[in-house]
N, C-alpha and C. Protein backbone atom coordinates (compact mmCIF):
# COMPACT_ATOMS: atom_id res chain seq x y z
N MET A 1 138.58 73.86 41.87
CA MET A 1 138.71 74.38 43.22
C MET A 1 137.86 75.63 43.35
N SER A 2 137.03 75.69 44.38
CA SER A 2 136.17 76.84 44.60
C SER A 2 136.93 77.94 45.31
N THR A 3 136.63 79.15 44.94
CA THR A 3 137.16 80.32 45.63
C THR A 3 136.01 80.98 46.35
N PRO A 4 136.30 81.83 47.34
CA PRO A 4 135.20 82.49 48.05
C PRO A 4 134.25 83.24 47.13
N GLU A 5 134.77 83.76 46.02
CA GLU A 5 133.94 84.54 45.11
C GLU A 5 132.85 83.71 44.44
N ASN A 6 133.06 82.41 44.27
CA ASN A 6 132.04 81.60 43.59
C ASN A 6 131.49 80.48 44.48
N ASN A 7 131.71 80.58 45.77
CA ASN A 7 131.23 79.57 46.71
C ASN A 7 130.44 80.25 47.82
N PRO A 8 129.11 80.15 47.80
CA PRO A 8 128.30 80.84 48.82
C PRO A 8 128.67 80.48 50.25
N LEU A 9 128.99 79.23 50.50
CA LEU A 9 129.34 78.83 51.87
C LEU A 9 130.65 79.47 52.31
N ALA A 10 131.60 79.59 51.39
CA ALA A 10 132.87 80.23 51.71
C ALA A 10 132.66 81.73 51.96
N LEU A 11 131.75 82.34 51.22
CA LEU A 11 131.45 83.76 51.44
C LEU A 11 130.89 83.98 52.84
N VAL A 12 130.00 83.11 53.28
CA VAL A 12 129.41 83.23 54.62
C VAL A 12 130.49 82.98 55.68
N GLU A 13 131.34 82.00 55.46
CA GLU A 13 132.42 81.72 56.40
C GLU A 13 133.36 82.92 56.50
N GLU A 14 133.69 83.51 55.37
CA GLU A 14 134.55 84.69 55.35
C GLU A 14 133.89 85.84 56.12
N LEU A 15 132.58 86.00 55.94
CA LEU A 15 131.85 87.04 56.67
C LEU A 15 131.92 86.79 58.17
N CYS A 16 131.76 85.54 58.61
CA CYS A 16 131.87 85.20 60.03
C CYS A 16 133.25 85.57 60.55
N ASN A 17 134.27 85.25 59.79
CA ASN A 17 135.64 85.57 60.21
C ASN A 17 135.82 87.07 60.36
N ARG A 18 135.29 87.84 59.41
CA ARG A 18 135.36 89.31 59.50
C ARG A 18 134.60 89.81 60.71
N ALA A 19 133.41 89.24 60.97
CA ALA A 19 132.59 89.67 62.10
C ALA A 19 133.28 89.39 63.43
N ASN A 20 134.06 88.34 63.48
CA ASN A 20 134.79 88.02 64.72
C ASN A 20 135.86 89.06 65.03
N GLN A 21 136.25 89.86 64.04
CA GLN A 21 137.25 90.89 64.23
C GLN A 21 136.64 92.30 64.28
N ASP A 22 135.36 92.42 63.97
CA ASP A 22 134.71 93.73 63.85
C ASP A 22 133.40 93.71 64.66
N ALA A 23 133.40 94.38 65.81
CA ALA A 23 132.25 94.35 66.72
C ALA A 23 130.98 94.90 66.07
N THR A 24 131.10 95.91 65.22
CA THR A 24 129.93 96.50 64.57
C THR A 24 129.32 95.51 63.59
N LEU A 25 130.16 94.88 62.79
CA LEU A 25 129.68 93.88 61.84
C LEU A 25 129.08 92.69 62.59
N LYS A 26 129.70 92.28 63.66
CA LYS A 26 129.18 91.16 64.47
C LYS A 26 127.80 91.49 65.00
N ALA A 27 127.61 92.71 65.51
CA ALA A 27 126.31 93.11 66.04
C ALA A 27 125.26 93.11 64.95
N ARG A 28 125.60 93.58 63.75
CA ARG A 28 124.67 93.57 62.62
C ARG A 28 124.30 92.14 62.24
N LEU A 29 125.30 91.27 62.19
CA LEU A 29 125.08 89.88 61.81
C LEU A 29 124.18 89.16 62.82
N LEU A 30 124.39 89.43 64.10
CA LEU A 30 123.57 88.81 65.13
C LEU A 30 122.14 89.36 65.11
N ALA A 31 121.99 90.64 64.83
CA ALA A 31 120.67 91.28 64.85
C ALA A 31 119.83 90.92 63.63
N ASP A 32 120.45 90.85 62.46
CA ASP A 32 119.72 90.57 61.22
C ASP A 32 120.62 89.81 60.27
N PRO A 33 120.77 88.50 60.50
CA PRO A 33 121.72 87.73 59.70
C PRO A 33 121.40 87.73 58.20
N ARG A 34 120.14 87.61 57.82
CA ARG A 34 119.78 87.56 56.40
C ARG A 34 120.21 88.84 55.69
N ALA A 35 119.81 89.99 56.22
CA ALA A 35 120.14 91.27 55.58
C ALA A 35 121.64 91.51 55.55
N THR A 36 122.32 91.15 56.64
CA THR A 36 123.77 91.37 56.70
C THR A 36 124.51 90.48 55.71
N ILE A 37 124.13 89.21 55.64
CA ILE A 37 124.76 88.30 54.67
C ILE A 37 124.53 88.81 53.25
N GLU A 38 123.30 89.19 52.95
CA GLU A 38 122.98 89.67 51.60
C GLU A 38 123.74 90.94 51.26
N SER A 39 123.79 91.90 52.19
CA SER A 39 124.47 93.17 51.89
C SER A 39 125.99 93.03 51.85
N GLU A 40 126.55 92.17 52.67
CA GLU A 40 128.00 92.03 52.75
C GLU A 40 128.58 91.09 51.70
N THR A 41 127.79 90.13 51.23
CA THR A 41 128.32 89.14 50.29
C THR A 41 127.73 89.24 48.89
N GLY A 42 126.57 89.89 48.78
CA GLY A 42 125.87 89.95 47.50
C GLY A 42 125.02 88.71 47.23
N LEU A 43 125.00 87.76 48.16
CA LEU A 43 124.18 86.56 47.99
C LEU A 43 122.71 86.92 48.14
N GLN A 44 121.87 86.26 47.40
CA GLN A 44 120.42 86.37 47.56
C GLN A 44 119.96 85.06 48.18
N ILE A 45 119.60 85.10 49.43
CA ILE A 45 119.22 83.90 50.15
C ILE A 45 117.72 83.66 49.96
N PRO A 46 117.35 82.50 49.48
CA PRO A 46 115.93 82.20 49.26
C PRO A 46 115.12 82.40 50.54
N SER A 47 113.90 82.90 50.39
CA SER A 47 113.07 83.24 51.55
C SER A 47 112.75 82.03 52.42
N GLY A 48 112.77 80.83 51.87
CA GLY A 48 112.47 79.63 52.65
C GLY A 48 113.61 79.15 53.53
N TRP A 49 114.79 79.72 53.36
CA TRP A 49 115.93 79.29 54.17
C TRP A 49 115.82 79.83 55.58
N ILE A 50 116.21 79.03 56.55
CA ILE A 50 116.26 79.43 57.94
C ILE A 50 117.70 79.86 58.24
N ILE A 51 117.86 81.06 58.77
CA ILE A 51 119.19 81.58 59.07
C ILE A 51 119.23 81.96 60.54
N ALA A 52 120.22 81.46 61.24
CA ALA A 52 120.38 81.80 62.65
C ALA A 52 121.83 82.18 62.91
N ALA A 53 122.02 83.31 63.54
CA ALA A 53 123.36 83.75 63.94
C ALA A 53 123.40 83.78 65.46
N THR A 54 124.44 83.19 66.02
CA THR A 54 124.59 83.15 67.47
C THR A 54 126.01 83.50 67.85
N SER A 55 126.16 83.98 69.07
CA SER A 55 127.49 84.24 69.61
C SER A 55 127.82 83.06 70.51
N LEU A 56 128.92 82.40 70.21
CA LEU A 56 129.34 81.22 70.97
C LEU A 56 130.00 81.62 72.29
N ALA A 57 130.21 80.67 73.17
CA ALA A 57 130.80 80.93 74.48
C ALA A 57 132.17 81.61 74.38
N ASP A 58 132.91 81.30 73.33
CA ASP A 58 134.24 81.91 73.17
C ASP A 58 134.18 83.29 72.52
N GLY A 59 132.95 83.78 72.25
CA GLY A 59 132.79 85.11 71.68
C GLY A 59 132.73 85.17 70.17
N THR A 60 132.98 84.04 69.52
CA THR A 60 132.91 84.04 68.06
C THR A 60 131.46 83.93 67.60
N VAL A 61 131.22 84.42 66.39
CA VAL A 61 129.89 84.37 65.82
C VAL A 61 129.76 83.12 64.96
N ASN A 62 128.57 82.51 64.99
CA ASN A 62 128.30 81.31 64.21
C ASN A 62 127.01 81.54 63.43
N VAL A 63 127.02 81.18 62.15
CA VAL A 63 125.83 81.30 61.32
C VAL A 63 125.44 79.92 60.83
N ASP A 64 124.17 79.58 61.01
CA ASP A 64 123.63 78.33 60.49
C ASP A 64 122.64 78.66 59.39
N LEU A 65 122.79 77.99 58.26
CA LEU A 65 121.85 78.10 57.14
C LEU A 65 121.22 76.74 56.98
N ALA A 66 119.92 76.67 56.98
CA ALA A 66 119.27 75.38 56.85
C ALA A 66 118.02 75.50 56.00
N ASN A 67 117.77 74.44 55.24
CA ASN A 67 116.58 74.37 54.41
C ASN A 67 116.38 72.92 54.02
N GLU A 68 115.13 72.52 53.95
CA GLU A 68 114.86 71.16 53.54
C GLU A 68 115.00 70.97 52.04
N ASP A 69 114.97 72.03 51.29
CA ASP A 69 115.06 71.96 49.82
C ASP A 69 116.18 72.86 49.31
N ILE A 70 117.41 72.48 49.58
CA ILE A 70 118.55 73.26 49.12
C ILE A 70 118.66 73.12 47.61
N PRO A 71 118.81 74.26 46.89
CA PRO A 71 118.92 74.18 45.43
C PRO A 71 120.13 73.34 45.01
N ASP A 72 119.99 72.62 43.89
CA ASP A 72 121.06 71.76 43.40
C ASP A 72 122.37 72.50 43.22
N GLU A 73 122.32 73.75 42.71
CA GLU A 73 123.57 74.47 42.46
C GLU A 73 124.33 74.74 43.76
N TYR A 74 123.64 74.84 44.91
CA TYR A 74 124.31 75.01 46.18
C TYR A 74 124.86 73.67 46.67
N LEU A 75 124.11 72.61 46.46
CA LEU A 75 124.56 71.29 46.88
C LEU A 75 125.86 70.89 46.19
N GLU A 76 126.01 71.28 44.94
CA GLU A 76 127.22 70.94 44.20
C GLU A 76 128.45 71.56 44.83
N LEU A 77 128.28 72.65 45.58
CA LEU A 77 129.41 73.34 46.19
C LEU A 77 129.81 72.74 47.53
N VAL A 78 128.95 71.91 48.09
CA VAL A 78 129.22 71.31 49.38
C VAL A 78 130.03 70.03 49.17
N SER A 79 131.13 69.93 49.84
CA SER A 79 131.97 68.76 49.71
C SER A 79 131.20 67.51 50.06
N GLY A 80 131.13 66.59 49.15
CA GLY A 80 130.44 65.34 49.38
C GLY A 80 128.98 65.37 49.01
N GLY A 81 128.32 66.49 49.19
CA GLY A 81 126.89 66.61 48.85
C GLY A 81 126.05 65.57 49.56
N LEU A 82 124.89 65.27 49.00
CA LEU A 82 124.01 64.26 49.55
C LEU A 82 124.30 62.91 48.93
N PRO A 83 124.09 61.85 49.66
CA PRO A 83 124.25 60.53 49.05
C PRO A 83 123.26 60.37 47.90
N GLU A 84 123.66 59.60 46.89
CA GLU A 84 122.80 59.42 45.73
C GLU A 84 121.45 58.84 46.10
N SER A 85 121.38 58.08 47.18
CA SER A 85 120.13 57.46 47.56
C SER A 85 119.20 58.42 48.31
N SER A 86 119.71 59.60 48.70
CA SER A 86 118.89 60.54 49.45
C SER A 86 117.88 61.21 48.54
N THR A 87 116.64 61.32 49.02
CA THR A 87 115.60 61.96 48.23
C THR A 87 114.94 63.11 48.97
N ASP A 88 115.35 63.38 50.21
CA ASP A 88 114.68 64.42 50.98
C ASP A 88 115.20 65.82 50.72
N GLY A 89 116.37 65.95 50.11
CA GLY A 89 116.91 67.28 49.81
C GLY A 89 117.32 68.06 51.03
N GLY A 90 117.37 67.43 52.20
CA GLY A 90 117.72 68.13 53.43
C GLY A 90 119.18 68.50 53.48
N GLY A 91 119.47 69.52 54.23
CA GLY A 91 120.87 69.89 54.37
C GLY A 91 121.04 71.01 55.36
N LYS A 92 122.26 71.22 55.80
CA LYS A 92 122.57 72.26 56.74
C LYS A 92 124.01 72.67 56.54
N SER A 93 124.26 73.95 56.72
CA SER A 93 125.60 74.46 56.59
C SER A 93 125.84 75.45 57.69
N SER A 94 127.05 75.52 58.18
CA SER A 94 127.36 76.53 59.19
C SER A 94 128.81 76.94 59.10
N CYS A 95 129.11 78.06 59.74
CA CYS A 95 130.50 78.49 59.83
C CYS A 95 130.81 78.80 61.27
């Protein structure tokens, strides 16, 4: 069982939850999602990853992480992962 401490996706989700309660953190996350995620979680996000933070209609913050070549160690943390027949390495995660 993964805990937030060893699951990058859970760390980002936890950060989103905190940002939804903290206007200053939310503003930082929306303005510079990469730097905020790295400073708040300790994660080092590969430079090729696309990161987008948006404020939804209900006021909550949403972060999308996407890359066509997600590292295998991150894929192992995603429930279900990619089908064995997949060869494109594509993937997307959000909170």
